[in-house]
Amino acid sequence: MLAPALLVAALAGCSASTAPDGTAAAPASSRPDTSRLPAVTDGTDLRAAPRIAAGHGSAPTDLLTRDLVTGTGTTADATSTVTIQYTGVLWRNGQEFDSTWPAPGAGGSGAAGSGQAATFPLAGTITGFGRGIDGMKVGGRREILIPPALGYGPAGGQPPTILADDTLVFVVDLLDVDAATAGPGMSSDNGASGGAGAGQP
């Protein structure tokens, strides 16, 4: 269905310099401004469907991620096959367009979900989705903001819902990583619930 390079930019005007002891100083760097990510209600309760607010002002143009819960299990990379729970909304209005969480009236707050986790290879999703999960560990929950250039771009994704150049925001719970596709040096030895479920971003 839907198919983050983590940005570490050098501060303007800053470069490597010589420290007082004559050694080269490390260049100064800045991290992306994650304060621009929308607020998430129930962000740290892994038993509850997260509710993502609309963004404010102009949407960021860089992929942004923020760990709401830091996992401790197997590490995923951008090409792993993963089992996840997720909710996706539009930055511009907070409208939910996709979710694996149960639909209202079925014990959850997701608008379109089946209540089953989804399993799929990240290589088959939009670029920003796989990059946003890259480096995430099983047991974690991460908020991911995907700019149009790493999402559906000028073509849009699902008119009339996902329009041209829409910015997308996901909250993803990483439940499992296929052992054959885990990050370097990692093994998938922690069982997780869920199987093939809803569509994929």
N, C-alpha and C. Protein backbone atom coordinates (compact mmCIF):
# COMPACT_ATOMS: atom_id res chain seq x y z
N MET A 1 0.85 -1.17 0.00
CA MET A 1 0.00 0.00 0.00
C MET A 1 0.89 1.23 0.00
N LEU A 2 1.37 1.65 1.10
CA LEU A 2 2.28 2.80 1.14
C LEU A 2 3.74 2.32 0.97
N ALA A 3 4.52 2.76 0.15
CA ALA A 3 5.93 2.37 0.05
C ALA A 3 6.79 3.46 0.75
N PRO A 4 14.38 6.69 6.99
CA PRO A 4 14.56 8.13 7.22
C PRO A 4 16.01 8.28 7.23
N ALA A 5 16.37 8.65 5.97
CA ALA A 5 17.78 8.81 6.25
C ALA A 5 17.91 9.70 7.47
N LEU A 6 18.54 9.21 8.51
CA LEU A 6 18.71 10.05 9.69
C LEU A 6 19.69 11.14 9.30
N LEU A 7 19.25 12.35 9.49
CA LEU A 7 20.05 13.47 9.02
C LEU A 7 20.93 14.02 10.12
N VAL A 8 22.20 14.06 9.85
CA VAL A 8 23.13 14.70 10.77
C VAL A 8 23.89 15.72 9.94
N ALA A 9 23.46 16.97 10.03
CA ALA A 9 24.03 18.02 9.20
C ALA A 9 25.03 18.82 10.00
N ALA A 10 26.08 19.22 9.34
CA ALA A 10 27.07 20.07 10.01
C ALA A 10 26.47 21.44 10.24
N LEU A 11 26.73 22.03 11.38
CA LEU A 11 26.24 23.37 11.66
C LEU A 11 26.89 24.35 10.70
N ALA A 12 26.11 25.29 10.23
CA ALA A 12 26.63 26.29 9.31
C ALA A 12 27.80 27.02 9.94
N GLY A 13 28.85 27.13 9.17
CA GLY A 13 30.01 27.87 9.64
C GLY A 13 30.91 27.10 10.57
N CYS A 14 30.59 25.84 10.89
CA CYS A 14 31.42 25.06 11.79
C CYS A 14 32.18 24.03 10.98
N SER A 15 33.43 23.84 11.29
CA SER A 15 34.21 22.84 10.60
C SER A 15 35.26 22.32 11.58
N ALA A 16 35.97 21.27 11.13
CA ALA A 16 37.01 20.73 11.99
C ALA A 16 38.04 21.82 12.26
N SER A 17 38.53 21.86 13.47
CA SER A 17 39.53 22.85 13.83
C SER A 17 40.57 22.19 14.70
N THR A 18 41.60 22.93 15.01
CA THR A 18 42.65 22.38 15.85
C THR A 18 42.39 22.73 17.30
N ALA A 19 42.39 21.71 18.14
CA ALA A 19 42.19 21.90 19.58
C ALA A 19 43.48 22.45 20.19
N PRO A 20 43.42 22.99 21.41
CA PRO A 20 44.62 23.54 22.06
C PRO A 20 45.78 22.56 22.13
N ASP A 21 45.49 21.25 22.21
CA ASP A 21 46.59 20.29 22.31
C ASP A 21 47.14 19.89 20.95
N GLY A 22 46.65 20.54 19.88
CA GLY A 22 47.16 20.28 18.54
C GLY A 22 46.43 19.20 17.79
N THR A 23 45.46 18.52 18.43
CA THR A 23 44.70 17.47 17.73
C THR A 23 43.52 18.09 17.02
N ALA A 24 43.03 17.40 16.03
CA ALA A 24 41.88 17.89 15.27
C ALA A 24 40.62 17.68 16.09
N ALA A 25 39.82 18.73 16.20
CA ALA A 25 38.56 18.64 16.93
C ALA A 25 37.51 18.02 16.02
N ALA A 26 36.59 17.27 16.61
CA ALA A 26 35.50 16.69 15.83
C ALA A 26 34.59 17.80 15.35
N PRO A 27 34.09 17.68 14.11
CA PRO A 27 33.18 18.71 13.62
C PRO A 27 31.90 18.75 14.43
N ALA A 28 31.38 19.94 14.65
CA ALA A 28 30.11 20.08 15.36
C ALA A 28 28.99 19.62 14.44
N SER A 29 27.95 19.05 15.01
CA SER A 29 26.82 18.60 14.20
C SER A 29 25.53 18.90 14.93
N SER A 30 24.45 18.86 14.19
CA SER A 30 23.14 19.09 14.78
C SER A 30 22.24 17.92 14.45
N ARG A 31 21.26 17.69 15.30
CA ARG A 31 20.29 16.63 15.05
C ARG A 31 19.01 17.25 14.50
N PRO A 32 18.21 16.43 13.79
CA PRO A 32 16.93 16.95 13.31
C PRO A 32 16.08 17.43 14.46
N ASP A 33 15.24 18.41 14.21
CA ASP A 33 14.39 19.00 15.24
C ASP A 33 13.14 18.15 15.42
N THR A 34 13.21 17.18 16.34
CA THR A 34 12.07 16.29 16.55
C THR A 34 10.92 16.97 17.29
N SER A 35 11.14 18.21 17.76
CA SER A 35 10.03 18.94 18.39
C SER A 35 8.95 19.26 17.38
N ARG A 36 9.24 19.14 16.09
CA ARG A 36 8.26 19.39 15.04
C ARG A 36 7.31 18.21 14.83
N LEU A 37 7.61 17.08 15.46
CA LEU A 37 6.73 15.92 15.32
C LEU A 37 5.43 16.16 16.08
N PRO A 38 4.29 15.73 15.52
CA PRO A 38 3.01 15.91 16.22
C PRO A 38 2.96 15.15 17.55
N ALA A 39 2.14 15.65 18.45
CA ALA A 39 1.94 15.00 19.74
C ALA A 39 1.26 13.65 19.55
N VAL A 40 1.59 12.70 20.44
CA VAL A 40 0.99 11.36 20.39
C VAL A 40 0.39 11.07 21.76
N THR A 41 -0.92 10.80 21.78
CA THR A 41 -1.61 10.38 23.00
C THR A 41 -1.47 8.87 23.13
N ASP A 42 -1.28 8.38 24.34
CA ASP A 42 -1.02 6.95 24.60
C ASP A 42 0.27 6.51 23.91
N GLY A 43 1.23 7.40 23.80
CA GLY A 43 2.46 7.12 23.08
C GLY A 43 3.34 6.07 23.73
N THR A 44 3.27 5.91 25.04
CA THR A 44 4.14 4.95 25.71
C THR A 44 3.39 3.71 26.21
N ASP A 45 2.09 3.63 25.95
CA ASP A 45 1.30 2.47 26.37
C ASP A 45 1.17 1.51 25.19
N LEU A 46 1.99 0.48 25.17
CA LEU A 46 2.03 -0.45 24.05
C LEU A 46 0.76 -1.30 23.94
N ARG A 47 -0.11 -1.23 24.94
CA ARG A 47 -1.37 -1.98 24.87
C ARG A 47 -2.46 -1.17 24.19
N ALA A 48 -2.20 0.12 24.00
CA ALA A 48 -3.23 1.01 23.45
C ALA A 48 -2.83 1.53 22.07
N ALA A 49 -3.84 1.74 21.23
CA ALA A 49 -3.60 2.35 19.92
C ALA A 49 -3.19 3.80 20.13
N PRO A 50 -2.09 4.22 19.53
CA PRO A 50 -1.69 5.63 19.67
C PRO A 50 -2.62 6.53 18.89
N ARG A 51 -2.82 7.74 19.40
CA ARG A 51 -3.60 8.75 18.68
C ARG A 51 -2.66 9.90 18.35
N ILE A 52 -2.55 10.21 17.07
CA ILE A 52 -1.56 11.17 16.59
C ILE A 52 -2.27 12.47 16.22
N ALA A 53 -1.80 13.57 16.76
CA ALA A 53 -2.38 14.89 16.47
C ALA A 53 -1.95 15.37 15.09
N ALA A 54 -2.65 16.37 14.60
CA ALA A 54 -2.25 17.02 13.35
C ALA A 54 -0.98 17.83 13.58
N GLY A 55 -0.23 18.06 12.52
CA GLY A 55 0.95 18.90 12.61
C GLY A 55 0.57 20.36 12.68
N HIS A 56 1.54 21.21 13.02
CA HIS A 56 1.31 22.65 13.10
C HIS A 56 2.31 23.36 12.20
N GLY A 57 1.85 24.39 11.52
CA GLY A 57 2.72 25.17 10.65
C GLY A 57 3.08 24.39 9.40
N SER A 58 4.18 24.76 8.77
CA SER A 58 4.60 24.07 7.55
C SER A 58 5.24 22.74 7.93
N ALA A 59 4.99 21.74 7.12
CA ALA A 59 5.51 20.40 7.41
C ALA A 59 7.02 20.36 7.22
N PRO A 60 7.73 19.64 8.09
CA PRO A 60 9.18 19.46 7.90
C PRO A 60 9.46 18.79 6.56
N THR A 61 10.59 19.08 5.98
CA THR A 61 10.96 18.50 4.69
C THR A 61 11.94 17.34 4.84
N ASP A 62 12.38 17.06 6.07
CA ASP A 62 13.29 15.95 6.34
C ASP A 62 12.52 14.83 7.03
N LEU A 63 13.00 13.60 6.84
CA LEU A 63 12.44 12.49 7.57
C LEU A 63 12.84 12.64 9.04
N LEU A 64 11.88 12.52 9.95
CA LEU A 64 12.14 12.65 11.38
C LEU A 64 11.64 11.42 12.11
N THR A 65 12.37 10.99 13.11
CA THR A 65 11.92 9.88 13.94
C THR A 65 12.13 10.22 15.41
N ARG A 66 11.28 9.63 16.25
CA ARG A 66 11.42 9.79 17.70
C ARG A 66 10.96 8.49 18.35
N ASP A 67 11.82 7.91 19.17
CA ASP A 67 11.44 6.70 19.89
C ASP A 67 10.58 7.08 21.09
N LEU A 68 9.35 6.61 21.09
CA LEU A 68 8.43 6.83 22.21
C LEU A 68 8.68 5.78 23.29
N VAL A 69 9.01 4.56 22.84
CA VAL A 69 9.44 3.47 23.71
C VAL A 69 10.65 2.85 23.04
N THR A 70 11.74 2.71 23.77
CA THR A 70 12.95 2.12 23.19
C THR A 70 12.92 0.62 23.38
N GLY A 71 13.05 -0.11 22.28
CA GLY A 71 13.05 -1.57 22.33
C GLY A 71 14.38 -2.11 22.79
N THR A 72 14.40 -3.40 23.12
CA THR A 72 15.63 -4.05 23.59
C THR A 72 15.92 -5.33 22.82
N GLY A 73 15.09 -5.67 21.84
CA GLY A 73 15.26 -6.92 21.10
C GLY A 73 16.05 -6.76 19.82
N THR A 74 15.74 -7.60 18.87
CA THR A 74 16.42 -7.64 17.58
C THR A 74 16.30 -6.30 16.85
N THR A 75 17.35 -5.92 16.16
CA THR A 75 17.37 -4.66 15.41
C THR A 75 16.93 -4.89 13.97
N ALA A 76 16.05 -4.02 13.50
CA ALA A 76 15.61 -4.05 12.10
C ALA A 76 16.46 -3.10 11.29
N ASP A 77 16.59 -3.40 9.99
CA ASP A 77 17.16 -2.41 9.09
C ASP A 77 16.14 -2.13 7.99
N ALA A 78 16.49 -1.26 7.07
CA ALA A 78 15.52 -0.78 6.08
C ALA A 78 15.07 -1.84 5.10
N THR A 79 15.71 -3.02 5.10
CA THR A 79 15.31 -4.09 4.19
C THR A 79 14.79 -5.33 4.92
N SER A 80 14.62 -5.23 6.24
CA SER A 80 14.14 -6.37 7.03
C SER A 80 12.68 -6.70 6.70
N THR A 81 12.32 -7.95 6.97
CA THR A 81 10.92 -8.34 7.00
C THR A 81 10.49 -8.23 8.45
N VAL A 82 9.44 -7.47 8.69
CA VAL A 82 9.05 -7.14 10.06
C VAL A 82 7.59 -7.49 10.33
N THR A 83 7.29 -7.66 11.60
CA THR A 83 5.90 -7.75 12.06
C THR A 83 5.67 -6.53 12.93
N ILE A 84 4.65 -5.74 12.58
CA ILE A 84 4.42 -4.46 13.26
C ILE A 84 2.94 -4.22 13.50
N GLN A 85 2.67 -3.36 14.46
CA GLN A 85 1.39 -2.68 14.62
C GLN A 85 1.67 -1.24 14.25
N TYR A 86 0.76 -0.59 13.54
CA TYR A 86 1.02 0.81 13.19
C TYR A 86 -0.27 1.58 12.96
N THR A 87 -0.14 2.88 13.06
CA THR A 87 -1.20 3.82 12.70
C THR A 87 -0.56 4.91 11.85
N GLY A 88 -1.24 5.30 10.78
CA GLY A 88 -0.74 6.37 9.92
C GLY A 88 -1.77 7.47 9.78
N VAL A 89 -1.30 8.73 9.88
CA VAL A 89 -2.19 9.89 9.74
C VAL A 89 -1.56 10.91 8.79
N LEU A 90 -2.37 11.85 8.34
CA LEU A 90 -1.90 12.95 7.52
C LEU A 90 -1.42 14.09 8.42
N TRP A 91 -0.26 14.64 8.10
CA TRP A 91 0.27 15.78 8.87
C TRP A 91 -0.72 16.93 8.87
N ARG A 92 -1.34 17.23 7.73
CA ARG A 92 -2.11 18.46 7.58
C ARG A 92 -3.37 18.51 8.44
N ASN A 93 -3.95 17.35 8.77
CA ASN A 93 -5.20 17.39 9.54
C ASN A 93 -5.32 16.28 10.59
N GLY A 94 -4.32 15.41 10.69
CA GLY A 94 -4.38 14.33 11.67
C GLY A 94 -5.34 13.21 11.30
N GLN A 95 -5.86 13.22 10.07
CA GLN A 95 -6.81 12.19 9.65
C GLN A 95 -6.10 10.85 9.52
N GLU A 96 -6.63 9.83 10.19
CA GLU A 96 -6.06 8.49 10.09
C GLU A 96 -6.44 7.88 8.75
N PHE A 97 -5.45 7.35 8.04
CA PHE A 97 -5.73 6.73 6.75
C PHE A 97 -5.43 5.24 6.75
N ASP A 98 -4.71 4.76 7.76
CA ASP A 98 -4.40 3.34 7.81
C ASP A 98 -4.04 2.96 9.24
N SER A 99 -4.40 1.74 9.64
CA SER A 99 -4.07 1.26 10.97
C SER A 99 -4.23 -0.24 11.03
N THR A 100 -3.39 -0.90 11.81
CA THR A 100 -3.57 -2.32 12.08
C THR A 100 -4.30 -2.54 13.41
N TRP A 101 -4.54 -1.45 14.14
CA TRP A 101 -5.25 -1.56 15.41
C TRP A 101 -6.73 -1.82 15.16
N PRO A 102 -7.43 -2.43 16.11
CA PRO A 102 -8.86 -2.72 15.93
C PRO A 102 -9.66 -1.46 15.63
N ALA A 103 -10.66 -1.63 14.79
CA ALA A 103 -11.54 -0.52 14.45
C ALA A 103 -12.40 -0.15 15.66
N PRO A 104 -12.93 1.08 15.70
CA PRO A 104 -13.81 1.47 16.81
C PRO A 104 -14.95 0.48 16.97
N GLY A 105 -15.28 0.21 18.20
CA GLY A 105 -16.35 -0.76 18.45
C GLY A 105 -15.83 -2.18 18.52
N ALA A 106 -14.54 -2.36 18.19
CA ALA A 106 -13.95 -3.70 18.24
C ALA A 106 -12.86 -3.74 19.30
N GLY A 107 -12.94 -2.82 20.26
CA GLY A 107 -12.00 -2.83 21.36
C GLY A 107 -10.78 -1.96 21.16
N GLY A 108 -10.79 -1.12 20.14
CA GLY A 108 -9.63 -0.26 19.90
C GLY A 108 -10.06 1.06 19.33
N SER A 109 -9.10 1.91 18.98
CA SER A 109 -9.42 3.24 18.49
C SER A 109 -8.98 3.46 17.05
N GLY A 110 -8.46 2.44 16.39
CA GLY A 110 -8.03 2.60 14.99
C GLY A 110 -9.22 2.75 14.07
N ALA A 111 -9.08 3.54 13.01
CA ALA A 111 -10.20 3.79 12.11
C ALA A 111 -10.39 2.69 11.09
N ALA A 112 -9.31 2.03 10.67
CA ALA A 112 -9.45 1.11 9.55
C ALA A 112 -8.83 -0.25 9.84
N GLY A 113 -8.45 -0.51 11.08
CA GLY A 113 -7.66 -1.68 11.36
C GLY A 113 -8.43 -2.97 11.49
N SER A 114 -7.71 -4.06 11.27
CA SER A 114 -8.26 -5.41 11.40
C SER A 114 -8.03 -5.94 12.81
N GLY A 115 -7.16 -5.29 13.57
CA GLY A 115 -6.82 -5.79 14.89
C GLY A 115 -5.70 -6.80 14.86
N GLN A 116 -5.14 -7.07 13.66
CA GLN A 116 -4.03 -8.00 13.53
C GLN A 116 -2.77 -7.26 13.12
N ALA A 117 -1.65 -7.68 13.67
CA ALA A 117 -0.37 -7.13 13.25
C ALA A 117 -0.12 -7.49 11.79
N ALA A 118 0.74 -6.72 11.14
CA ALA A 118 1.06 -6.95 9.73
C ALA A 118 2.51 -7.39 9.61
N THR A 119 2.77 -8.34 8.70
CA THR A 119 4.12 -8.81 8.43
C THR A 119 4.42 -8.60 6.96
N PHE A 120 5.53 -7.91 6.66
CA PHE A 120 5.92 -7.67 5.27
C PHE A 120 7.37 -7.17 5.20
N PRO A 121 7.99 -7.29 4.02
CA PRO A 121 9.35 -6.76 3.85
C PRO A 121 9.32 -5.25 3.69
N LEU A 122 10.19 -4.55 4.40
CA LEU A 122 10.23 -3.09 4.31
C LEU A 122 10.69 -2.62 2.94
N ALA A 123 11.41 -3.47 2.22
CA ALA A 123 11.87 -3.09 0.88
C ALA A 123 10.69 -2.87 -0.07
N GLY A 124 9.51 -3.40 0.27
CA GLY A 124 8.34 -3.24 -0.58
C GLY A 124 7.46 -2.06 -0.19
N THR A 125 7.93 -1.21 0.73
CA THR A 125 7.14 -0.08 1.18
C THR A 125 7.70 1.23 0.62
N ILE A 126 7.01 2.34 0.88
CA ILE A 126 7.57 3.63 0.48
C ILE A 126 8.90 3.82 1.19
N THR A 127 9.81 4.52 0.57
CA THR A 127 11.18 4.66 1.05
C THR A 127 11.27 5.13 2.50
N GLY A 128 10.52 6.15 2.85
CA GLY A 128 10.60 6.72 4.19
C GLY A 128 10.15 5.77 5.28
N PHE A 129 9.28 4.83 4.95
CA PHE A 129 8.80 3.90 5.96
C PHE A 129 9.92 2.96 6.39
N GLY A 130 10.60 2.36 5.42
CA GLY A 130 11.71 1.47 5.74
C GLY A 130 12.84 2.20 6.43
N ARG A 131 13.17 3.39 5.94
CA ARG A 131 14.25 4.16 6.55
C ARG A 131 13.88 4.59 7.96
N GLY A 132 12.60 4.84 8.18
CA GLY A 132 12.15 5.26 9.50
C GLY A 132 12.27 4.16 10.53
N ILE A 133 12.13 2.91 10.11
CA ILE A 133 12.23 1.76 11.01
C ILE A 133 13.68 1.29 11.17
N ASP A 134 14.53 1.67 10.24
CA ASP A 134 15.95 1.27 10.29
C ASP A 134 16.56 1.60 11.65
N GLY A 135 17.16 0.60 12.30
CA GLY A 135 17.80 0.80 13.60
C GLY A 135 16.88 0.61 14.79
N MET A 136 15.60 0.41 14.53
CA MET A 136 14.63 0.21 15.61
C MET A 136 14.78 -1.21 16.16
N LYS A 137 14.53 -1.37 17.47
CA LYS A 137 14.63 -2.68 18.11
C LYS A 137 13.23 -3.21 18.48
N VAL A 138 13.10 -4.54 18.42
CA VAL A 138 11.85 -5.19 18.80
C VAL A 138 11.48 -4.77 20.22
N GLY A 139 10.20 -4.49 20.41
CA GLY A 139 9.69 -4.04 21.70
C GLY A 139 9.55 -2.53 21.76
N GLY A 140 10.01 -1.84 20.71
CA GLY A 140 9.95 -0.39 20.69
C GLY A 140 8.74 0.16 19.96
N ARG A 141 8.48 1.43 20.23
CA ARG A 141 7.43 2.19 19.52
C ARG A 141 8.08 3.48 19.02
N ARG A 142 7.92 3.76 17.73
CA ARG A 142 8.59 4.91 17.12
C ARG A 142 7.60 5.73 16.31
N GLU A 143 7.74 7.06 16.44
CA GLU A 143 6.99 7.99 15.61
C GLU A 143 7.87 8.35 14.42
N ILE A 144 7.29 8.31 13.23
CA ILE A 144 8.03 8.55 11.99
C ILE A 144 7.29 9.57 11.15
N LEU A 145 7.95 10.67 10.79
CA LEU A 145 7.38 11.65 9.89
C LEU A 145 8.04 11.47 8.53
N ILE A 146 7.23 11.25 7.50
CA ILE A 146 7.74 10.98 6.15
C ILE A 146 7.37 12.13 5.23
N PRO A 147 8.37 12.89 4.75
CA PRO A 147 8.08 13.98 3.82
C PRO A 147 7.68 13.40 2.45
N PRO A 148 7.03 14.20 1.61
CA PRO A 148 6.57 13.70 0.31
C PRO A 148 7.66 13.06 -0.54
N ALA A 149 8.87 13.60 -0.49
CA ALA A 149 9.96 13.07 -1.32
C ALA A 149 10.30 11.63 -0.98
N LEU A 150 9.99 11.19 0.25
CA LEU A 150 10.25 9.81 0.66
C LEU A 150 8.94 9.03 0.81
N GLY A 151 7.83 9.65 0.40
CA GLY A 151 6.52 9.02 0.47
C GLY A 151 5.93 8.85 -0.92
N TYR A 152 4.77 9.48 -1.15
CA TYR A 152 4.11 9.35 -2.44
C TYR A 152 4.40 10.49 -3.41
N GLY A 153 5.02 11.56 -2.91
CA GLY A 153 5.41 12.65 -3.79
C GLY A 153 4.25 13.32 -4.50
N PRO A 154 4.51 13.89 -5.68
CA PRO A 154 3.48 14.64 -6.39
C PRO A 154 2.34 13.77 -6.94
N ALA A 155 2.54 12.46 -6.97
CA ALA A 155 1.49 11.58 -7.49
C ALA A 155 0.39 11.35 -6.45
N GLY A 156 0.72 11.52 -5.18
CA GLY A 156 -0.25 11.19 -4.13
C GLY A 156 -0.33 9.69 -3.96
N GLY A 157 -1.02 9.25 -2.95
CA GLY A 157 -1.07 7.82 -2.66
C GLY A 157 -2.43 7.19 -2.80
N GLN A 158 -3.42 7.77 -2.18
CA GLN A 158 -4.77 7.19 -2.17
C GLN A 158 -5.79 8.31 -2.28
N PRO A 159 -5.85 9.02 -3.40
CA PRO A 159 -6.85 10.09 -3.51
C PRO A 159 -8.24 9.51 -3.26
N PRO A 160 -9.14 10.20 -2.60
CA PRO A 160 -9.01 11.59 -2.17
C PRO A 160 -8.40 11.75 -0.77
N THR A 161 -7.88 10.67 -0.16
CA THR A 161 -7.34 10.79 1.20
C THR A 161 -5.90 11.29 1.21
N ILE A 162 -4.98 10.52 0.63
CA ILE A 162 -3.58 10.94 0.57
C ILE A 162 -3.38 11.66 -0.75
N LEU A 163 -3.16 12.97 -0.66
CA LEU A 163 -3.08 13.81 -1.85
C LEU A 163 -1.63 14.02 -2.29
N ALA A 164 -1.46 14.70 -3.40
CA ALA A 164 -0.13 15.03 -3.89
C ALA A 164 0.65 15.78 -2.82
N ASP A 165 1.87 15.37 -2.61
CA ASP A 165 2.80 16.02 -1.68
C ASP A 165 2.31 16.06 -0.23
N ASP A 166 1.53 15.06 0.16
CA ASP A 166 1.13 14.95 1.56
C ASP A 166 2.29 14.43 2.40
N THR A 167 2.43 14.99 3.59
CA THR A 167 3.37 14.51 4.58
C THR A 167 2.64 13.52 5.47
N LEU A 168 3.27 12.37 5.74
CA LEU A 168 2.65 11.29 6.49
C LEU A 168 3.32 11.14 7.85
N VAL A 169 2.53 10.76 8.85
CA VAL A 169 3.07 10.50 10.18
C VAL A 169 2.58 9.13 10.63
N PHE A 170 3.52 8.29 11.04
CA PHE A 170 3.20 6.94 11.53
C PHE A 170 3.68 6.79 12.97
N VAL A 171 2.98 5.96 13.72
CA VAL A 171 3.52 5.43 14.97
C VAL A 171 3.55 3.92 14.78
N VAL A 172 4.75 3.35 14.93
CA VAL A 172 4.99 1.94 14.63
C VAL A 172 5.48 1.22 15.88
N ASP A 173 4.86 0.07 16.19
CA ASP A 173 5.34 -0.84 17.23
C ASP A 173 6.03 -2.00 16.53
N LEU A 174 7.31 -2.22 16.80
CA LEU A 174 8.05 -3.32 16.17
C LEU A 174 7.91 -4.57 17.05
N LEU A 175 7.20 -5.58 16.52
CA LEU A 175 6.92 -6.79 17.28
C LEU A 175 7.91 -7.91 16.99
N ASP A 176 8.43 -7.98 15.75
CA ASP A 176 9.35 -9.05 15.40
C ASP A 176 10.12 -8.68 14.14
N VAL A 177 11.30 -9.25 14.01
CA VAL A 177 12.12 -9.11 12.81
C VAL A 177 12.49 -10.51 12.36
N ASP A 178 12.25 -10.83 11.09
CA ASP A 178 12.60 -12.14 10.56
C ASP A 178 14.11 -12.34 10.72
N ALA A 179 14.50 -13.49 11.26
CA ALA A 179 15.92 -13.75 11.55
C ALA A 179 16.79 -13.60 10.31
N ALA A 180 16.29 -14.00 9.15
CA ALA A 180 17.09 -13.94 7.93
C ALA A 180 17.29 -12.51 7.45
N THR A 181 16.50 -11.57 7.96
CA THR A 181 16.60 -10.19 7.48
C THR A 181 16.97 -9.22 8.58
N ALA A 182 17.37 -9.74 9.75
CA ALA A 182 17.73 -8.87 10.86
C ALA A 182 19.00 -8.10 10.54
N GLY A 183 19.21 -7.02 11.28
CA GLY A 183 20.41 -6.21 11.09
C GLY A 183 21.67 -7.05 11.31
N PRO A 184 22.84 -6.55 10.88
CA PRO A 184 24.10 -7.29 10.99
C PRO A 184 24.37 -7.75 12.42
N GLY A 185 24.73 -9.03 12.53
CA GLY A 185 25.11 -9.57 13.83
C GLY A 185 23.96 -9.81 14.78
N MET A 186 22.73 -9.67 14.29
CA MET A 186 21.58 -9.83 15.18
C MET A 186 20.87 -11.14 14.87
N SER A 187 20.20 -11.68 15.87
CA SER A 187 19.38 -12.87 15.66
C SER A 187 18.01 -12.61 16.23
N SER A 188 17.03 -13.24 15.64
CA SER A 188 15.66 -13.06 16.11
C SER A 188 15.30 -14.22 17.01
N ASP A 189 15.53 -14.04 18.31
CA ASP A 189 15.26 -15.13 19.24
C ASP A 189 14.14 -14.79 20.20
N ASN A 190 13.43 -13.72 19.91
CA ASN A 190 12.32 -13.35 20.78
C ASN A 190 11.02 -13.51 20.01
N GLY A 191 10.16 -14.40 20.50
CA GLY A 191 8.89 -14.60 19.83
C GLY A 191 8.03 -13.37 19.94
N ALA A 192 7.20 -13.16 18.95
CA ALA A 192 6.28 -12.02 18.99
C ALA A 192 4.96 -12.45 18.41
N SER A 193 3.91 -11.82 18.90
CA SER A 193 2.60 -12.16 18.39
C SER A 193 2.39 -11.54 17.05
N GLY A 194 1.40 -11.99 16.35
CA GLY A 194 1.05 -11.37 15.09
C GLY A 194 1.52 -12.18 13.92
N GLY A 195 0.90 -11.91 12.78
CA GLY A 195 1.26 -12.54 11.54
C GLY A 195 0.81 -11.66 10.42
N ALA A 196 0.69 -12.21 9.23
CA ALA A 196 0.25 -11.40 8.10
C ALA A 196 -1.10 -10.80 8.42
N GLY A 197 -1.23 -9.54 8.20
CA GLY A 197 -2.48 -8.89 8.56
C GLY A 197 -2.86 -7.85 7.55
N ALA A 198 -2.97 -6.61 7.99
CA ALA A 198 -3.43 -5.52 7.14
C ALA A 198 -2.44 -5.25 6.04
N GLY A 199 -2.82 -4.31 5.14
CA GLY A 199 -1.94 -3.92 4.04
C GLY A 199 -0.69 -3.29 4.57
N GLN A 200 0.19 -2.91 3.66
CA GLN A 200 1.46 -2.32 4.09
C GLN A 200 1.60 -0.93 3.52
N PRO A 201 2.35 -0.07 4.23
CA PRO A 201 2.58 1.29 3.74
C PRO A 201 3.37 1.31 2.46
